[in-house]
N, C-alpha and C. Protein backbone atom coordinates (compact mmCIF):
# COMPACT_ATOMS: atom_id res chain seq x y z
N MET A 1 67.11 82.27 -12.14
CA MET A 1 65.67 82.40 -12.24
C MET A 1 65.25 82.71 -13.68
N ASN A 2 66.04 83.53 -14.37
CA ASN A 2 65.74 83.89 -15.74
C ASN A 2 65.80 82.67 -16.65
N LYS A 3 66.76 81.78 -16.39
CA LYS A 3 66.91 80.56 -17.19
C LYS A 3 65.70 79.65 -16.99
N LEU A 4 65.19 79.56 -15.76
CA LEU A 4 64.02 78.76 -15.45
C LEU A 4 62.78 79.28 -16.18
N MET A 5 62.60 80.58 -16.22
CA MET A 5 61.46 81.18 -16.92
C MET A 5 61.53 80.90 -18.42
N SER A 6 62.73 80.93 -18.99
CA SER A 6 62.91 80.63 -20.41
C SER A 6 62.52 79.18 -20.70
N ILE A 7 62.91 78.27 -19.82
CA ILE A 7 62.59 76.86 -20.02
C ILE A 7 61.08 76.64 -19.92
N ILE A 8 60.44 77.29 -18.94
CA ILE A 8 58.98 77.16 -18.78
C ILE A 8 58.25 77.73 -19.99
N ALA A 9 58.68 78.88 -20.48
CA ALA A 9 58.06 79.51 -21.64
C ALA A 9 58.21 78.63 -22.88
N ALA A 10 59.40 78.06 -23.06
CA ALA A 10 59.63 77.19 -24.22
C ALA A 10 58.78 75.93 -24.13
N SER A 11 58.64 75.39 -22.93
CA SER A 11 57.81 74.18 -22.75
C SER A 11 56.35 74.48 -23.03
N ALA A 12 55.86 75.61 -22.55
CA ALA A 12 54.46 75.99 -22.79
C ALA A 12 54.21 76.18 -24.29
N LEU A 13 55.13 76.80 -24.98
CA LEU A 13 55.00 77.00 -26.41
C LEU A 13 54.98 75.66 -27.15
N ALA A 14 55.86 74.75 -26.76
CA ALA A 14 55.93 73.44 -27.40
C ALA A 14 54.63 72.66 -27.18
N LEU A 15 54.08 72.73 -25.97
CA LEU A 15 52.82 72.02 -25.69
C LEU A 15 51.65 72.61 -26.48
N SER A 16 51.61 73.92 -26.60
CA SER A 16 50.50 74.54 -27.33
C SER A 16 50.56 74.19 -28.81
N LEU A 17 51.75 74.13 -29.38
CA LEU A 17 51.89 73.78 -30.79
C LEU A 17 51.60 72.30 -31.04
N SER A 18 51.96 71.45 -30.10
CA SER A 18 51.70 70.02 -30.30
C SER A 18 50.21 69.73 -30.22
N GLY A 19 49.47 70.50 -29.43
CA GLY A 19 48.02 70.33 -29.35
C GLY A 19 47.37 70.61 -30.69
N ALA A 20 47.84 71.62 -31.39
CA ALA A 20 47.30 71.93 -32.71
C ALA A 20 47.63 70.83 -33.70
N ALA A 21 48.79 70.23 -33.58
CA ALA A 21 49.18 69.14 -34.48
C ALA A 21 48.30 67.91 -34.25
N PHE A 22 47.99 67.60 -33.00
CA PHE A 22 47.12 66.47 -32.71
C PHE A 22 45.71 66.73 -33.21
N ALA A 23 45.23 67.97 -33.09
CA ALA A 23 43.88 68.31 -33.55
C ALA A 23 43.79 68.17 -35.07
N ALA A 24 44.87 68.43 -35.77
CA ALA A 24 44.86 68.31 -37.23
C ALA A 24 44.70 66.86 -37.66
N ASP A 25 45.16 65.91 -36.85
CA ASP A 25 45.03 64.50 -37.17
C ASP A 25 43.71 63.91 -36.69
N ASP A 26 42.97 64.64 -35.89
CA ASP A 26 41.71 64.15 -35.31
C ASP A 26 40.63 64.13 -36.39
N PRO A 27 39.92 63.00 -36.57
CA PRO A 27 38.88 62.94 -37.59
C PRO A 27 37.70 63.86 -37.29
N ALA A 28 37.57 64.33 -36.06
CA ALA A 28 36.49 65.26 -35.74
C ALA A 28 36.72 66.62 -36.39
N TYR A 29 37.96 66.91 -36.78
CA TYR A 29 38.30 68.15 -37.45
C TYR A 29 38.63 67.84 -38.90
N PRO A 30 37.65 68.00 -39.82
CA PRO A 30 37.92 67.66 -41.22
C PRO A 30 38.98 68.57 -41.83
N LYS A 31 39.72 68.01 -42.73
CA LYS A 31 40.77 68.76 -43.41
C LYS A 31 40.16 69.74 -44.41
N ALA A 32 40.90 70.77 -44.73
CA ALA A 32 40.39 71.82 -45.61
C ALA A 32 40.01 71.25 -46.98
N GLN A 33 40.78 70.31 -47.51
CA GLN A 33 40.46 69.77 -48.82
C GLN A 33 39.21 68.91 -48.80
N ASP A 34 38.79 68.43 -47.61
CA ASP A 34 37.57 67.65 -47.51
C ASP A 34 36.33 68.53 -47.50
N GLN A 35 36.50 69.81 -47.29
CA GLN A 35 35.37 70.72 -47.19
C GLN A 35 35.10 71.38 -48.54
N THR A 36 34.88 70.57 -49.55
CA THR A 36 34.64 71.09 -50.88
C THR A 36 33.24 71.68 -51.00
N GLY A 37 32.34 71.29 -50.12
CA GLY A 37 30.98 71.81 -50.17
C GLY A 37 30.17 71.09 -51.22
N ALA A 38 29.25 70.30 -50.78
CA ALA A 38 28.40 69.57 -51.71
C ALA A 38 27.53 70.55 -52.47
N PRO A 39 27.28 70.28 -53.73
CA PRO A 39 26.44 71.19 -54.49
C PRO A 39 25.04 71.22 -53.90
N LYS A 40 24.51 72.41 -53.77
CA LYS A 40 23.19 72.56 -53.20
C LYS A 40 22.14 72.20 -54.24
N THR A 41 21.08 71.57 -53.79
CA THR A 41 20.04 71.16 -54.71
C THR A 41 19.00 72.25 -54.89
N GLN A 42 19.08 73.30 -54.09
CA GLN A 42 18.12 74.39 -54.20
C GLN A 42 18.52 75.31 -55.34
N ASP A 43 17.60 76.19 -55.71
CA ASP A 43 17.83 77.14 -56.78
C ASP A 43 18.95 78.10 -56.40
N GLN A 44 20.04 78.06 -57.15
CA GLN A 44 21.20 78.90 -56.85
C GLN A 44 20.98 80.35 -57.24
N GLY A 45 20.06 80.63 -58.17
CA GLY A 45 19.84 81.98 -58.63
C GLY A 45 18.80 82.74 -57.82
N ALA A 46 18.22 82.11 -56.80
CA ALA A 46 17.18 82.75 -56.02
C ALA A 46 17.76 83.80 -55.09
N THR A 47 17.01 84.89 -54.92
CA THR A 47 17.43 85.90 -53.96
C THR A 47 17.18 85.38 -52.55
N PRO A 48 17.82 85.97 -51.55
CA PRO A 48 17.61 85.49 -50.18
C PRO A 48 16.13 85.54 -49.75
N ALA A 49 15.41 86.55 -50.19
CA ALA A 49 13.98 86.64 -49.82
C ALA A 49 13.19 85.49 -50.46
N GLU A 50 13.49 85.21 -51.73
CA GLU A 50 12.81 84.10 -52.40
C GLU A 50 13.18 82.77 -51.76
N GLN A 51 14.45 82.62 -51.38
CA GLN A 51 14.92 81.39 -50.76
C GLN A 51 14.25 81.19 -49.41
N SER A 52 14.12 82.27 -48.64
CA SER A 52 13.48 82.20 -47.33
C SER A 52 12.02 81.79 -47.47
N LYS A 53 11.35 82.36 -48.45
CA LYS A 53 9.95 82.02 -48.68
C LYS A 53 9.83 80.55 -49.08
N GLN A 54 10.72 80.09 -49.93
CA GLN A 54 10.71 78.69 -50.36
C GLN A 54 10.98 77.77 -49.17
N ASP A 55 11.90 78.16 -48.29
CA ASP A 55 12.19 77.37 -47.10
C ASP A 55 10.95 77.27 -46.21
N GLN A 56 10.26 78.37 -46.03
CA GLN A 56 9.05 78.37 -45.20
C GLN A 56 7.96 77.49 -45.81
N GLU A 57 7.78 77.57 -47.12
CA GLU A 57 6.78 76.73 -47.78
C GLU A 57 7.12 75.25 -47.64
N TYR A 58 8.41 74.93 -47.74
CA TYR A 58 8.86 73.55 -47.58
C TYR A 58 8.57 73.03 -46.18
N LEU A 59 8.84 73.86 -45.18
CA LEU A 59 8.58 73.45 -43.80
C LEU A 59 7.09 73.26 -43.54
N VAL A 60 6.25 74.11 -44.13
CA VAL A 60 4.80 73.96 -43.99
C VAL A 60 4.35 72.64 -44.62
N ALA A 61 4.91 72.32 -45.79
CA ALA A 61 4.55 71.06 -46.46
C ALA A 61 4.96 69.87 -45.61
N LEU A 62 6.13 69.94 -44.98
CA LEU A 62 6.57 68.84 -44.12
C LEU A 62 5.69 68.71 -42.87
N LYS A 63 5.25 69.82 -42.31
CA LYS A 63 4.37 69.77 -41.14
C LYS A 63 3.04 69.11 -41.47
N LYS A 64 2.56 69.31 -42.68
CA LYS A 64 1.31 68.67 -43.09
C LYS A 64 1.48 67.15 -43.14
N CYS A 65 2.68 66.70 -43.42
CA CYS A 65 2.95 65.26 -43.51
C CYS A 65 3.02 64.60 -42.13
N GLN A 66 3.25 65.37 -41.09
CA GLN A 66 3.44 64.81 -39.75
C GLN A 66 2.21 64.09 -39.22
N ASP A 67 1.01 64.48 -39.67
CA ASP A 67 -0.22 63.86 -39.17
C ASP A 67 -0.51 62.52 -39.86
N LEU A 68 0.18 62.22 -40.93
CA LEU A 68 -0.06 60.99 -41.68
C LEU A 68 0.67 59.81 -41.04
N GLN A 69 0.35 58.60 -41.51
CA GLN A 69 0.93 57.39 -40.93
C GLN A 69 1.77 56.63 -41.96
N ASP A 70 2.87 56.06 -41.52
CA ASP A 70 3.73 55.11 -42.23
C ASP A 70 4.03 55.45 -43.68
N ALA A 71 3.56 54.61 -44.60
CA ALA A 71 3.91 54.76 -46.02
C ALA A 71 3.34 56.05 -46.61
N THR A 72 2.16 56.43 -46.16
CA THR A 72 1.55 57.65 -46.66
C THR A 72 2.38 58.86 -46.24
N LYS A 73 2.88 58.81 -45.01
CA LYS A 73 3.72 59.90 -44.49
C LYS A 73 5.00 60.00 -45.30
N GLN A 74 5.64 58.87 -45.57
CA GLN A 74 6.88 58.87 -46.33
C GLN A 74 6.65 59.37 -47.76
N LYS A 75 5.53 58.97 -48.35
CA LYS A 75 5.21 59.42 -49.71
C LYS A 75 5.01 60.94 -49.72
N CYS A 76 4.34 61.45 -48.70
CA CYS A 76 4.11 62.89 -48.59
C CYS A 76 5.43 63.65 -48.45
N ILE A 77 6.34 63.13 -47.63
CA ILE A 77 7.65 63.75 -47.44
C ILE A 77 8.44 63.72 -48.74
N ASP A 78 8.41 62.59 -49.44
CA ASP A 78 9.12 62.48 -50.72
C ASP A 78 8.58 63.48 -51.75
N GLN A 79 7.26 63.64 -51.76
CA GLN A 79 6.66 64.59 -52.70
C GLN A 79 7.07 66.03 -52.36
N ALA A 80 7.10 66.35 -51.08
CA ALA A 80 7.51 67.69 -50.66
C ALA A 80 8.97 67.94 -51.04
N LYS A 81 9.82 66.96 -50.82
CA LYS A 81 11.23 67.09 -51.19
C LYS A 81 11.38 67.31 -52.69
N GLN A 82 10.63 66.57 -53.47
CA GLN A 82 10.72 66.70 -54.92
C GLN A 82 10.19 68.07 -55.37
N LYS A 83 9.07 68.48 -54.79
CA LYS A 83 8.46 69.75 -55.20
C LYS A 83 9.38 70.93 -54.89
N TYR A 84 10.06 70.89 -53.74
CA TYR A 84 10.91 71.99 -53.34
C TYR A 84 12.39 71.73 -53.63
N ASN A 85 12.65 70.72 -54.45
CA ASN A 85 14.00 70.43 -54.95
C ASN A 85 14.98 70.19 -53.79
N ARG A 86 14.61 69.32 -52.86
CA ARG A 86 15.43 69.05 -51.68
C ARG A 86 15.97 67.63 -51.66
N MET A 87 16.10 66.99 -52.76
CA MET A 87 16.58 65.59 -52.80
C MET A 87 18.04 65.51 -52.55
């Protein structure tokens, strides 16, 4: 019985480790070297309070664009992105 338990434990361990190996090859799980982090376009020197205020102002500007139509709407969104450095 002890030998059977050892075989079951070893099999369970092998299956759990192989699952991690398959997940490492899965494109849904990016590799660590791929996560370099794109440079942020926002002001890096801003304090969190200033950043939060800027985020809120940006969202308000985008909401104003929602009532517009087609090309005018896109132009409004582009202007908001440029003004708040979100390109």
